C-alpha cells in the first residue's frame, strides 16, 4: 500500500482540521484516542500524549525535530495524524511505502 493510500483510506483531508502541526505533519485531536502508538514509533520525540479532564490526545511537542518520515501517520489507525503536502513534495514520506516495518 502506498503512502497516499494509507492516508486516504482513513480520513479525507476535508474532514481533518489540525490543531497542532510541524512542518511535515498535522494532528487533529478530535480523531485521536491517545493510544500512544505514534509516540512509540517516533524516534525523535516529536509527539506526546496530553491529558485533560474530558479528553486525552496527542500533540506536537517538538515540531523542530520532525523530519517528515511519516511513521507516526502510518501508526495512527484513526487518521488523527496526516502528512502535510511538504512531506510529499520533498520526498520525505518514502518510508511509508513499506508500512509493515513501522
C-alpha atoms as a PDB file:
ATOM      1  CA  UNK A   1       0.000   0.000   0.000  1.00  0.00           C
ATOM      2  CA  UNK A   2       1.420   3.396  -0.936  1.00  0.00           C
ATOM      3  CA  UNK A   3       1.699   6.379   1.373  1.00  0.00           C
ATOM      4  CA  UNK A   4      -1.166   8.145  -0.337  1.00  0.00           C
ATOM      5  CA  UNK A   5      -3.396   5.076   0.024  1.00  0.00           C
ATOM      6  CA  UNK A   6      -2.565   4.864   3.741  1.00  0.00           C
ATOM      7  CA  UNK A   7      -3.646   8.453   4.298  1.00  0.00           C
ATOM      8  CA  UNK A   8      -6.786   8.484   2.157  1.00  0.00           C
ATOM      9  CA  UNK A   9      -8.074   5.161   3.442  1.00  0.00           C
ATOM     10  CA  UNK A  10      -8.539   6.654   6.917  1.00  0.00           C
ATOM     11  CA  UNK A  11      -9.972  10.160   6.634  1.00  0.00           C
ATOM     12  CA  UNK A  12     -10.442  12.609   3.854  1.00  0.00           C
ATOM     13  CA  UNK A  13      -8.388  15.787   4.075  1.00  0.00           C
ATOM     14  CA  UNK A  14     -11.644  17.781   4.152  1.00  0.00           C
ATOM     15  CA  UNK A  15     -12.587  16.119   7.483  1.00  0.00           C
ATOM     16  CA  UNK A  16      -9.210  16.845   9.021  1.00  0.00           C
ATOM     17  CA  UNK A  17      -8.919  20.105  10.974  1.00  0.00           C
ATOM     18  CA  UNK A  18      -5.496  20.143  12.640  1.00  0.00           C
ATOM     19  CA  UNK A  19      -4.850  21.899  15.882  1.00  0.00           C
ATOM     20  CA  UNK A  20      -1.117  21.209  16.004  1.00  0.00           C
ATOM     21  CA  UNK A  21       1.430  20.713  13.273  1.00  0.00           C
ATOM     22  CA  UNK A  22       5.081  20.570  12.458  1.00  0.00           C
ATOM     23  CA  UNK A  23       6.429  21.379   9.054  1.00  0.00           C
ATOM     24  CA  UNK A  24       5.514  17.870   7.941  1.00  0.00           C
ATOM     25  CA  UNK A  25       2.596  16.501   9.995  1.00  0.00           C
ATOM     26  CA  UNK A  26      -0.785  17.733  11.211  1.00  0.00           C
ATOM     27  CA  UNK A  27      -2.596  16.439  14.308  1.00  0.00           C
ATOM     28  CA  UNK A  28      -6.372  16.680  14.717  1.00  0.00           C
ATOM     29  CA  UNK A  29      -7.192  15.868  18.368  1.00  0.00           C
ATOM     30  CA  UNK A  30     -10.855  15.093  17.692  1.00  0.00           C
ATOM     31  CA  UNK A  31      -9.815  11.856  15.959  1.00  0.00           C
ATOM     32  CA  UNK A  32      -7.132  10.921  18.491  1.00  0.00           C
ATOM     33  CA  UNK A  33      -7.780   8.218  21.110  1.00  0.00           C
ATOM     34  CA  UNK A  34      -4.441   8.747  22.889  1.00  0.00           C
ATOM     35  CA  UNK A  35      -3.294   5.184  22.260  1.00  0.00           C
ATOM     36  CA  UNK A  36       0.324   6.366  22.050  1.00  0.00           C
ATOM     37  CA  UNK A  37       1.290   4.268  19.020  1.00  0.00           C
ATOM     38  CA  UNK A  38       2.554   7.346  17.192  1.00  0.00           C
ATOM     39  CA  UNK A  39       4.603   8.424  20.202  1.00  0.00           C
ATOM     40  CA  UNK A  40       6.247   4.992  20.378  1.00  0.00           C
ATOM     41  CA  UNK A  41       7.289   4.896  16.705  1.00  0.00           C
ATOM     42  CA  UNK A  42       8.685   8.440  16.675  1.00  0.00           C
ATOM     43  CA  UNK A  43      12.381   8.227  17.465  1.00  0.00           C
ATOM     44  CA  UNK A  44      12.768  11.996  17.547  1.00  0.00           C
ATOM     45  CA  UNK A  45      10.284  12.603  20.414  1.00  0.00           C
ATOM     46  CA  UNK A  46       8.182  14.975  18.315  1.00  0.00           C
ATOM     47  CA  UNK A  47       4.851  13.877  19.822  1.00  0.00           C
ATOM     48  CA  UNK A  48       3.481  13.348  23.317  1.00  0.00           C
ATOM     49  CA  UNK A  49       0.184  12.308  24.875  1.00  0.00           C
ATOM     50  CA  UNK A  50      -1.530  15.012  26.898  1.00  0.00           C
ATOM     51  CA  UNK A  51      -4.485  14.510  29.202  1.00  0.00           C
ATOM     52  CA  UNK A  52      -7.269  16.879  30.055  1.00  0.00           C
ATOM     53  CA  UNK A  53     -10.276  16.284  32.269  1.00  0.00           C
ATOM     54  CA  UNK A  54     -12.575  15.246  29.438  1.00  0.00           C
ATOM     55  CA  UNK A  55     -10.209  14.227  26.663  1.00  0.00           C
ATOM     56  CA  UNK A  56      -6.722  12.812  26.092  1.00  0.00           C
ATOM     57  CA  UNK A  57      -4.916  13.184  22.799  1.00  0.00           C
ATOM     58  CA  UNK A  58      -1.535  13.569  21.137  1.00  0.00           C
ATOM     59  CA  UNK A  59       0.043  16.911  20.391  1.00  0.00           C
ATOM     60  CA  UNK A  60       3.216  18.055  18.693  1.00  0.00           C
ATOM     61  CA  UNK A  61       5.791  18.561  21.425  1.00  0.00           C
ATOM     62  CA  UNK A  62       8.931  19.414  19.455  1.00  0.00           C
ATOM     63  CA  UNK A  63       7.958  20.470  15.906  1.00  0.00           C
ATOM     64  CA  UNK A  64      11.541  21.442  15.076  1.00  0.00           C
ATOM     65  CA  UNK A  65      12.640  17.807  15.461  1.00  0.00           C
ATOM     66  CA  UNK A  66      10.176  16.414  12.888  1.00  0.00           C
ATOM     67  CA  UNK A  67      11.768  15.231   9.648  1.00  0.00           C
ATOM     68  CA  UNK A  68       8.594  14.037   7.899  1.00  0.00           C
ATOM     69  CA  UNK A  69       9.326  10.312   7.853  1.00  0.00           C
ATOM     70  CA  UNK A  70       5.602   9.559   8.230  1.00  0.00           C
ATOM     71  CA  UNK A  71       5.923   6.716  10.723  1.00  0.00           C
ATOM     72  CA  UNK A  72       3.552   8.428  13.163  1.00  0.00           C
ATOM     73  CA  UNK A  73       0.906   8.894  10.463  1.00  0.00           C
ATOM     74  CA  UNK A  74       1.240   5.249   9.433  1.00  0.00           C
ATOM     75  CA  UNK A  75       0.901   4.116  13.061  1.00  0.00           C
ATOM     76  CA  UNK A  76      -2.263   6.156  13.662  1.00  0.00           C
ATOM     77  CA  UNK A  77      -5.229   3.889  12.991  1.00  0.00           C
ATOM     78  CA  UNK A  78      -7.725   6.740  13.474  1.00  0.00           C
ATOM     79  CA  UNK A  79      -6.264   9.155  10.958  1.00  0.00           C
ATOM     80  CA  UNK A  80      -5.595  11.831  13.566  1.00  0.00           C
ATOM     81  CA  UNK A  81      -2.141  12.424  12.067  1.00  0.00           C
ATOM     82  CA  UNK A  82      -1.684  13.190   8.396  1.00  0.00           C
ATOM     83  CA  UNK A  83       1.328  14.225   6.380  1.00  0.00           C
ATOM     84  CA  UNK A  84       1.355  17.743   5.003  1.00  0.00           C
ATOM     85  CA  UNK A  85       1.967  18.300   1.309  1.00  0.00           C
ATOM     86  CA  UNK A  86       5.510  19.442   2.140  1.00  0.00           C
ATOM     87  CA  UNK A  87       6.479  15.890   3.131  1.00  0.00           C
ATOM     88  CA  UNK A  88       5.343  14.570  -0.238  1.00  0.00           C
ATOM     89  CA  UNK A  89       6.966  17.413  -2.177  1.00  0.00           C
ATOM     90  CA  UNK A  90      10.330  16.837  -0.502  1.00  0.00           C
ATOM     91  CA  UNK A  91      10.098  13.063  -0.857  1.00  0.00           C
ATOM     92  CA  UNK A  92      10.283  12.588   2.908  1.00  0.00           C
ATOM     93  CA  UNK A  93       7.425  10.104   3.051  1.00  0.00           C
ATOM     94  CA  UNK A  94       9.255   7.351   1.169  1.00  0.00           C
ATOM     95  CA  UNK A  95       9.396   5.305   4.372  1.00  0.00           C
ATOM     96  CA  UNK A  96       5.600   4.935   4.243  1.00  0.00           C
ATOM     97  CA  UNK A  97       5.739   2.785   1.120  1.00  0.00           C
ATOM     98  CA  UNK A  98       6.564  -0.247   3.266  1.00  0.00           C
ATOM     99  CA  UNK A  99       4.215   0.261   6.225  1.00  0.00           C
ATOM    100  CA  UNK A 100       4.760  -3.259   7.580  1.00  0.00           C
ATOM    101  CA  UNK A 101       8.065  -2.137   9.072  1.00  0.00           C
ATOM    102  CA  UNK A 102       6.753   0.820  11.072  1.00  0.00           C
END
